[in-house]
Amino acid sequence: MATRYVSYLPMNLHLLQAVQISWSPNLGVTRTEGDCETVLHRPASEVMERPLHVVLGTTAEKARQLDALARQDGRAVEFLYVSLGARDPVPLRLTLGMDAGEATAVVVDMRALLEGAPPVQLSGLASQLSHELRNPLSSVKMAVQTLARNTGLSERDQRRLTIANREIRTLERMLWLVSEYGRDSTPNLEQHAPRSLVQEAMAMVAPELAERRVEVRVDEAPDVPRVRVDAGRLRPVLAQVLLNVAMGLTEGGNVEVSILPDAQGRVRMLLKDPAGALPDEERDSLFEPFECRLARGAGLSLAALRRVLVHQGGDVSAETGPDTAAVFTLTFAA
């Protein structure tokens, strides 16, 4: 008796962004179910009765190998890296078996499945870095701060210690970003006032803001509700984004933050970056790790901010304002 996929896969393939295709012994597609346009980049009408190798963007020989694996009915898993039309190569995961007497594959676009998720290696690396570097970094910080209290130091040595303190704070923030981007634990959501979140983030980078004589100005609309966030995880990444904006300003400039409710009962926080022009070619990579030049650092701040907000029921987007400045809109669940 043929094994049916419904015994080990959810019925709604659209929710998985997956497609199930079946084919005849001559390798012509006979049946489809699921999200053809997302996974195979063509409607179901253009998949039916087409050769399997054409539908999957692979060779005829590889299609015959997939057919043989499916007919063994051992629920084999295969990975393909294929070209579908004029698009960039796509990584596909195929679960092969028999369904209603036909060879069948459930196909998942791995790129769509993992979009926004950090590499597995990064999660492990982030945890290891936090463990191995935080303690020695704390010891170095304590030693520098102890030396700074020595009133007998020359002005030159005091300046050196000031620089050392600044770089220690930079390393601490970088560890936070790497750790937060790679973290996959459930956030601890609590109600917080949006203005307080900005003020607490400002406090984390207060020395750097003071050095540049940059002020963060918060304009909050009346009756803004409290938002549900994990403040301990949001503050460090929000602080780094505020600092990134401040670094693009001339000394004595202002970082402008607006907080207002929206029509869906959520809260929006608008952060204007006057030096952050958004070229069209960079919009798709703006929140990708190590890709965004607006990060003005290791390229993780915007990626970490989006990851934190999405995991807490919010989001972040960017657009060009009327004066060509970049405007980041952080959305929070109330």
Protein backbone atom coordinates (compact mmCIF):
# COMPACT_ATOMS: atom_id res chain seq x y z
CA MET A 1 0.00 0.00 0.00
CA ALA A 2 1.37 3.43 -0.96
CA THR A 3 2.48 5.79 1.77
CA ARG A 4 0.60 9.09 1.74
CA TYR A 5 2.39 12.32 2.56
CA VAL A 6 -0.48 13.51 4.71
CA SER A 7 0.65 11.03 7.34
CA TYR A 8 3.74 13.10 8.14
CA LEU A 9 3.21 16.54 6.60
CA PRO A 10 0.67 19.25 7.47
CA MET A 11 -2.16 19.53 4.98
CA ASN A 12 -1.72 23.24 4.30
CA LEU A 13 1.39 23.42 2.17
CA HIS A 14 0.86 27.12 1.55
CA LEU A 15 1.62 27.84 5.21
CA LEU A 16 4.95 26.05 4.75
CA GLN A 17 5.70 27.83 1.45
CA ALA A 18 6.02 24.35 -0.02
CA VAL A 19 4.66 22.58 -3.07
CA GLN A 20 3.90 18.89 -3.63
CA ILE A 21 4.35 17.58 -7.15
CA SER A 22 3.66 14.10 -8.52
CA TRP A 23 4.78 12.62 -11.82
CA SER A 24 4.23 9.64 -14.07
CA PRO A 25 6.79 6.94 -14.96
CA ASN A 26 7.73 8.96 -18.06
CA LEU A 27 8.63 11.88 -15.70
CA GLY A 28 5.82 14.23 -16.72
CA VAL A 29 4.22 16.18 -13.88
CA THR A 30 0.67 14.97 -13.25
CA ARG A 31 -0.41 16.75 -10.06
CA THR A 32 0.49 19.78 -7.93
CA GLU A 33 -0.62 21.12 -4.59
CA GLY A 34 0.65 24.10 -2.63
CA ASP A 35 2.49 27.31 -3.41
CA CYS A 36 3.85 26.80 -6.93
CA GLU A 37 4.48 30.47 -7.61
CA THR A 38 6.58 30.99 -4.46
CA VAL A 39 8.61 27.78 -4.64
CA LEU A 40 8.87 27.06 -8.36
CA HIS A 41 8.40 30.65 -9.58
CA ARG A 42 5.62 29.75 -11.99
CA PRO A 43 1.88 29.10 -11.68
CA ALA A 44 0.53 25.57 -11.41
CA SER A 45 -0.84 25.79 -14.96
CA GLU A 46 2.74 26.06 -16.27
CA VAL A 47 3.89 23.08 -14.20
CA MET A 48 1.30 20.50 -15.19
CA GLU A 49 2.43 17.99 -17.85
CA ARG A 50 5.89 19.56 -18.06
CA PRO A 51 8.99 17.35 -17.76
CA LEU A 52 10.17 16.95 -14.18
CA HIS A 53 13.68 18.21 -14.90
CA VAL A 54 12.28 21.40 -16.45
CA VAL A 55 9.96 22.05 -13.51
CA LEU A 56 12.79 21.56 -10.99
CA GLY A 57 15.42 23.37 -13.04
CA THR A 58 17.79 20.40 -13.09
CA THR A 59 19.13 17.88 -15.61
CA ALA A 60 17.21 14.96 -17.09
CA GLU A 61 19.67 12.55 -15.46
CA LYS A 62 19.10 14.09 -12.04
CA ALA A 63 15.34 13.86 -12.54
CA ARG A 64 15.69 10.12 -13.22
CA GLN A 65 17.70 9.73 -10.01
CA LEU A 66 15.01 11.58 -8.03
CA ASP A 67 12.34 9.36 -9.57
CA ALA A 68 14.24 6.22 -8.55
CA LEU A 69 14.60 7.50 -4.96
CA ALA A 70 10.91 8.34 -4.76
CA ARG A 71 9.86 4.89 -6.01
CA GLN A 72 11.92 3.25 -3.28
CA ASP A 73 9.35 4.90 -0.97
CA GLY A 74 11.90 5.48 1.79
CA ARG A 75 11.05 9.14 2.26
CA ALA A 76 14.48 10.19 0.99
CA VAL A 77 15.61 13.80 1.30
CA GLU A 78 17.57 15.48 -1.50
CA PHE A 79 18.93 19.01 -1.87
CA LEU A 80 19.21 20.81 -5.19
CA TYR A 81 20.70 24.16 -6.12
CA VAL A 82 18.84 25.13 -9.26
CA SER A 83 18.06 27.97 -11.65
CA LEU A 84 14.36 28.69 -12.12
CA GLY A 85 13.91 31.01 -15.07
CA ALA A 86 16.03 34.16 -15.02
CA ARG A 87 16.26 34.26 -11.23
CA ASP A 88 19.31 33.67 -9.10
CA PRO A 89 20.02 30.02 -8.19
CA VAL A 90 17.61 28.70 -5.52
CA PRO A 91 18.35 26.02 -2.87
CA LEU A 92 15.54 23.44 -2.80
CA ARG A 93 14.84 20.66 -0.31
CA LEU A 94 12.92 17.65 -1.70
CA THR A 95 11.25 14.95 0.40
CA LEU A 96 10.66 12.01 -1.96
CA GLY A 97 8.21 9.11 -1.71
CA MET A 98 5.03 7.58 -3.14
CA ASP A 99 1.54 9.07 -2.87
CA ALA A 100 -1.58 7.42 -4.32
CA GLY A 101 0.60 5.22 -6.52
CA GLU A 102 2.63 8.10 -7.97
CA ALA A 103 6.17 9.25 -7.36
CA THR A 104 5.97 12.46 -5.37
CA ALA A 105 8.17 15.19 -3.93
CA VAL A 106 7.40 17.88 -1.38
CA VAL A 107 9.59 20.82 -2.40
CA VAL A 108 10.64 23.65 -0.07
CA ASP A 109 12.59 26.78 -1.01
CA MET A 110 15.29 26.80 1.68
CA ARG A 111 16.08 30.46 1.08
CA ALA A 112 12.51 31.49 1.89
CA LEU A 113 12.36 29.08 4.83
CA LEU A 114 15.48 30.53 6.46
CA GLU A 115 14.92 34.17 5.53
CA GLY A 116 15.79 36.38 8.50
CA ALA A 117 17.27 33.50 10.50
CA PRO A 118 20.96 33.56 11.45
CA PRO A 119 23.18 30.69 10.36
CA VAL A 120 23.23 27.84 12.86
CA GLN A 121 26.98 28.35 13.26
CA LEU A 122 26.43 31.98 14.26
CA SER A 123 24.09 31.00 17.09
CA GLY A 124 26.74 28.73 18.55
CA LEU A 125 29.50 31.25 17.93
CA ALA A 126 27.52 34.03 19.64
CA SER A 127 27.04 31.94 22.75
CA GLN A 128 30.70 30.96 22.84
CA LEU A 129 31.87 34.55 22.32
CA SER A 130 29.70 35.80 25.14
CA HIS A 131 31.11 33.19 27.48
CA GLU A 132 34.76 33.51 26.48
CA LEU A 133 35.07 37.28 25.99
CA ARG A 134 32.76 38.98 28.47
CA ASN A 135 34.70 38.03 31.59
CA PRO A 136 38.17 39.11 30.36
CA LEU A 137 36.65 42.24 28.83
CA SER A 138 35.04 43.10 32.17
CA SER A 139 38.42 42.68 33.89
CA VAL A 140 40.11 44.99 31.38
CA LYS A 141 37.31 47.54 31.82
CA MET A 142 37.65 47.48 35.60
CA ALA A 143 41.43 47.93 35.36
CA VAL A 144 41.12 50.90 33.00
CA GLN A 145 38.48 52.55 35.17
CA THR A 146 40.67 52.05 38.27
CA LEU A 147 43.63 53.68 36.51
CA ALA A 148 41.44 56.57 35.39
CA ARG A 149 40.78 57.47 39.04
CA ASN A 150 44.49 58.10 39.58
CA THR A 151 44.73 61.89 39.90
CA GLY A 152 48.49 61.81 39.37
CA LEU A 153 48.26 60.79 35.69
CA SER A 154 49.33 63.21 33.02
CA GLU A 155 46.77 64.73 30.67
CA ARG A 156 48.16 62.59 27.86
CA ASP A 157 47.68 59.37 29.85
CA GLN A 158 44.16 60.45 30.80
CA ARG A 159 43.33 60.87 27.11
CA ARG A 160 44.69 57.39 26.41
CA LEU A 161 42.49 55.91 29.13
CA THR A 162 39.48 57.78 27.74
CA ILE A 163 40.15 56.22 24.34
CA ALA A 164 40.58 52.78 25.94
CA ASN A 165 37.25 53.16 27.75
CA ARG A 166 35.53 54.13 24.50
CA GLU A 167 36.91 51.12 22.65
CA ILE A 168 35.90 48.79 25.50
CA ARG A 169 32.32 50.09 25.24
CA THR A 170 32.45 49.49 21.47
CA LEU A 171 33.54 45.89 22.02
CA GLU A 172 30.76 45.38 24.57
CA ARG A 173 28.15 46.63 22.11
CA MET A 174 29.53 44.44 19.34
CA LEU A 175 29.27 41.40 21.60
CA TRP A 176 25.68 42.35 22.36
CA LEU A 177 24.85 42.62 18.64
CA VAL A 178 26.43 39.29 17.73
CA SER A 179 24.82 37.62 20.73
CA GLU A 180 21.39 39.09 20.02
CA TYR A 181 21.45 38.33 16.31
CA GLY A 182 22.31 34.71 17.02
CA ARG A 183 19.93 34.23 19.97
CA ASP A 184 16.87 32.02 19.47
CA SER A 185 15.35 31.94 22.98
CA THR A 186 11.79 33.11 23.69
CA PRO A 187 11.64 36.82 24.56
CA ASN A 188 10.32 37.94 27.95
CA LEU A 189 7.59 40.39 26.88
CA GLU A 190 6.49 43.09 29.32
CA GLN A 191 4.72 46.44 29.06
CA HIS A 192 7.02 49.46 28.67
CA ALA A 193 6.59 53.14 27.87
CA PRO A 194 8.13 53.80 24.41
CA ARG A 195 9.82 57.02 25.55
CA SER A 196 11.51 55.14 28.40
CA LEU A 197 12.90 52.60 25.93
CA VAL A 198 14.55 55.40 23.96
CA GLN A 199 15.90 57.07 27.10
CA GLU A 200 17.34 53.80 28.42
CA ALA A 201 18.97 53.11 25.04
CA MET A 202 20.40 56.65 25.04
CA ALA A 203 21.94 56.03 28.47
CA MET A 204 23.90 53.08 27.08
CA VAL A 205 25.69 55.32 24.56
CA ALA A 206 25.63 58.55 26.58
CA PRO A 207 29.45 58.99 26.65
CA GLU A 208 29.68 58.69 22.85
CA LEU A 209 26.77 61.09 22.34
CA ALA A 210 28.38 63.55 24.75
CA GLU A 211 31.72 63.37 22.94
CA ARG A 212 30.03 64.37 19.68
CA ARG A 213 27.76 66.86 21.47
CA VAL A 214 24.77 65.11 19.85
CA GLU A 215 21.36 65.34 21.48
CA VAL A 216 18.52 62.84 21.01
CA ARG A 217 15.21 64.65 20.81
CA VAL A 218 12.04 62.62 21.38
CA ASP A 219 8.68 63.92 20.13
CA GLU A 220 5.89 61.74 21.55
CA ALA A 221 2.25 62.09 20.55
CA PRO A 222 -0.40 62.28 23.31
CA ASP A 223 -1.91 59.07 24.69
CA VAL A 224 0.68 56.69 23.24
CA PRO A 225 0.03 53.25 24.77
CA ARG A 226 2.69 51.11 26.40
CA VAL A 227 4.27 48.44 24.20
CA ARG A 228 5.04 44.76 24.79
CA VAL A 229 8.77 44.16 24.39
CA ASP A 230 11.72 42.40 25.97
CA ALA A 231 13.47 45.61 27.00
CA GLY A 232 16.69 43.86 27.99
CA ARG A 233 17.12 42.58 24.44
CA LEU A 234 15.84 45.66 22.66
CA ARG A 235 17.87 48.32 24.48
CA PRO A 236 21.38 47.33 23.25
CA VAL A 237 20.40 47.08 19.58
CA LEU A 238 18.32 50.27 19.70
CA ALA A 239 21.26 52.02 21.39
CA GLN A 240 23.60 50.97 18.59
CA VAL A 241 21.21 52.21 15.91
CA LEU A 242 20.89 55.56 17.69
CA LEU A 243 24.68 55.77 17.86
CA ASN A 244 24.99 54.90 14.17
CA VAL A 245 22.74 57.82 13.31
CA ALA A 246 24.67 60.13 15.66
CA MET A 247 27.96 59.15 14.02
CA GLY A 248 26.66 60.41 10.69
CA LEU A 249 25.85 63.84 12.10
CA THR A 250 28.12 66.84 12.48
CA GLU A 251 29.08 67.71 16.04
CA GLY A 252 26.25 69.45 17.88
CA GLY A 253 23.57 67.79 15.71
CA ASN A 254 20.29 66.26 16.82
CA VAL A 255 18.90 62.74 16.46
CA GLU A 256 15.15 63.08 15.92
CA VAL A 257 12.80 60.37 17.23
CA SER A 258 9.01 60.53 16.84
CA ILE A 259 6.63 58.19 18.69
CA LEU A 260 2.99 57.88 17.68
CA PRO A 261 0.14 55.35 17.64
CA ASP A 262 -1.11 53.93 14.34
CA ALA A 263 -4.56 52.97 13.09
CA GLN A 264 -4.05 49.26 13.93
CA GLY A 265 -3.54 49.96 17.64
CA ARG A 266 0.23 49.54 17.45
CA VAL A 267 2.96 52.07 18.16
CA ARG A 268 5.39 53.43 15.62
CA MET A 269 8.79 54.93 16.40
CA LEU A 270 10.28 57.00 13.56
CA LEU A 271 14.03 57.56 13.58
CA LYS A 272 15.44 60.01 11.05
CA ASP A 273 18.96 59.51 9.70
CA PRO A 274 19.91 62.71 7.81
CA ALA A 275 23.13 61.16 6.46
CA GLY A 276 21.52 57.86 5.50
CA ALA A 277 20.61 58.09 1.82
CA LEU A 278 19.03 54.88 0.51
CA PRO A 279 20.14 53.99 -3.03
CA ASP A 280 17.68 51.69 -4.79
CA GLU A 281 20.33 49.00 -5.25
CA GLU A 282 20.84 48.75 -1.48
CA ARG A 283 17.21 48.55 -0.34
CA ASP A 284 17.01 44.74 -0.59
CA SER A 285 20.13 44.27 1.54
CA LEU A 286 19.45 47.02 4.09
CA PHE A 287 18.61 44.60 6.92
CA GLU A 288 20.96 41.81 5.84
CA PRO A 289 23.91 41.11 8.17
CA PHE A 290 27.26 42.55 7.05
CA GLU A 291 25.69 44.05 3.91
CA CYS A 292 24.41 47.48 4.95
CA ARG A 293 26.76 50.46 4.78
CA LEU A 294 24.28 52.45 6.93
CA ALA A 295 25.28 50.24 9.85
CA ARG A 296 28.54 52.24 10.06
CA GLY A 297 30.24 49.37 11.84
CA ALA A 298 30.25 45.59 11.54
CA GLY A 299 26.96 45.65 9.63
CA LEU A 300 24.89 43.86 12.26
CA SER A 301 22.96 46.66 13.95
CA LEU A 302 20.01 46.88 11.55
CA ALA A 303 19.90 43.10 11.06
CA ALA A 304 19.86 42.56 14.83
CA LEU A 305 17.23 45.27 15.31
CA ARG A 306 14.90 43.63 12.80
CA ARG A 307 15.46 40.19 14.28
CA VAL A 308 14.68 41.43 17.80
CA LEU A 309 11.55 43.32 16.74
CA VAL A 310 10.15 40.53 14.56
CA HIS A 311 10.60 38.01 17.39
CA GLN A 312 8.71 40.37 19.68
CA GLY A 313 5.75 40.89 17.34
CA GLY A 314 7.00 44.07 15.68
CA ASP A 315 9.04 45.04 12.63
CA VAL A 316 11.28 47.74 11.17
CA SER A 317 11.30 49.30 7.72
CA ALA A 318 13.12 52.13 5.98
CA GLU A 319 12.23 54.68 3.35
CA THR A 320 13.59 57.90 1.95
CA GLY A 321 12.11 61.03 3.50
CA PRO A 322 11.14 64.18 1.60
CA ASP A 323 14.61 65.69 2.16
CA THR A 324 16.39 62.47 0.96
CA ALA A 325 17.19 61.42 4.54
CA ALA A 326 16.56 57.82 5.57
CA VAL A 327 13.63 57.31 7.95
CA PHE A 328 13.49 54.07 9.95
CA THR A 329 10.05 53.06 11.24
CA LEU A 330 10.06 50.68 14.20
CA THR A 331 6.67 49.06 14.83
CA PHE A 332 5.72 47.69 18.27
CA ALA A 333 2.77 45.61 19.46
CA ALA A 334 0.79 47.48 22.11
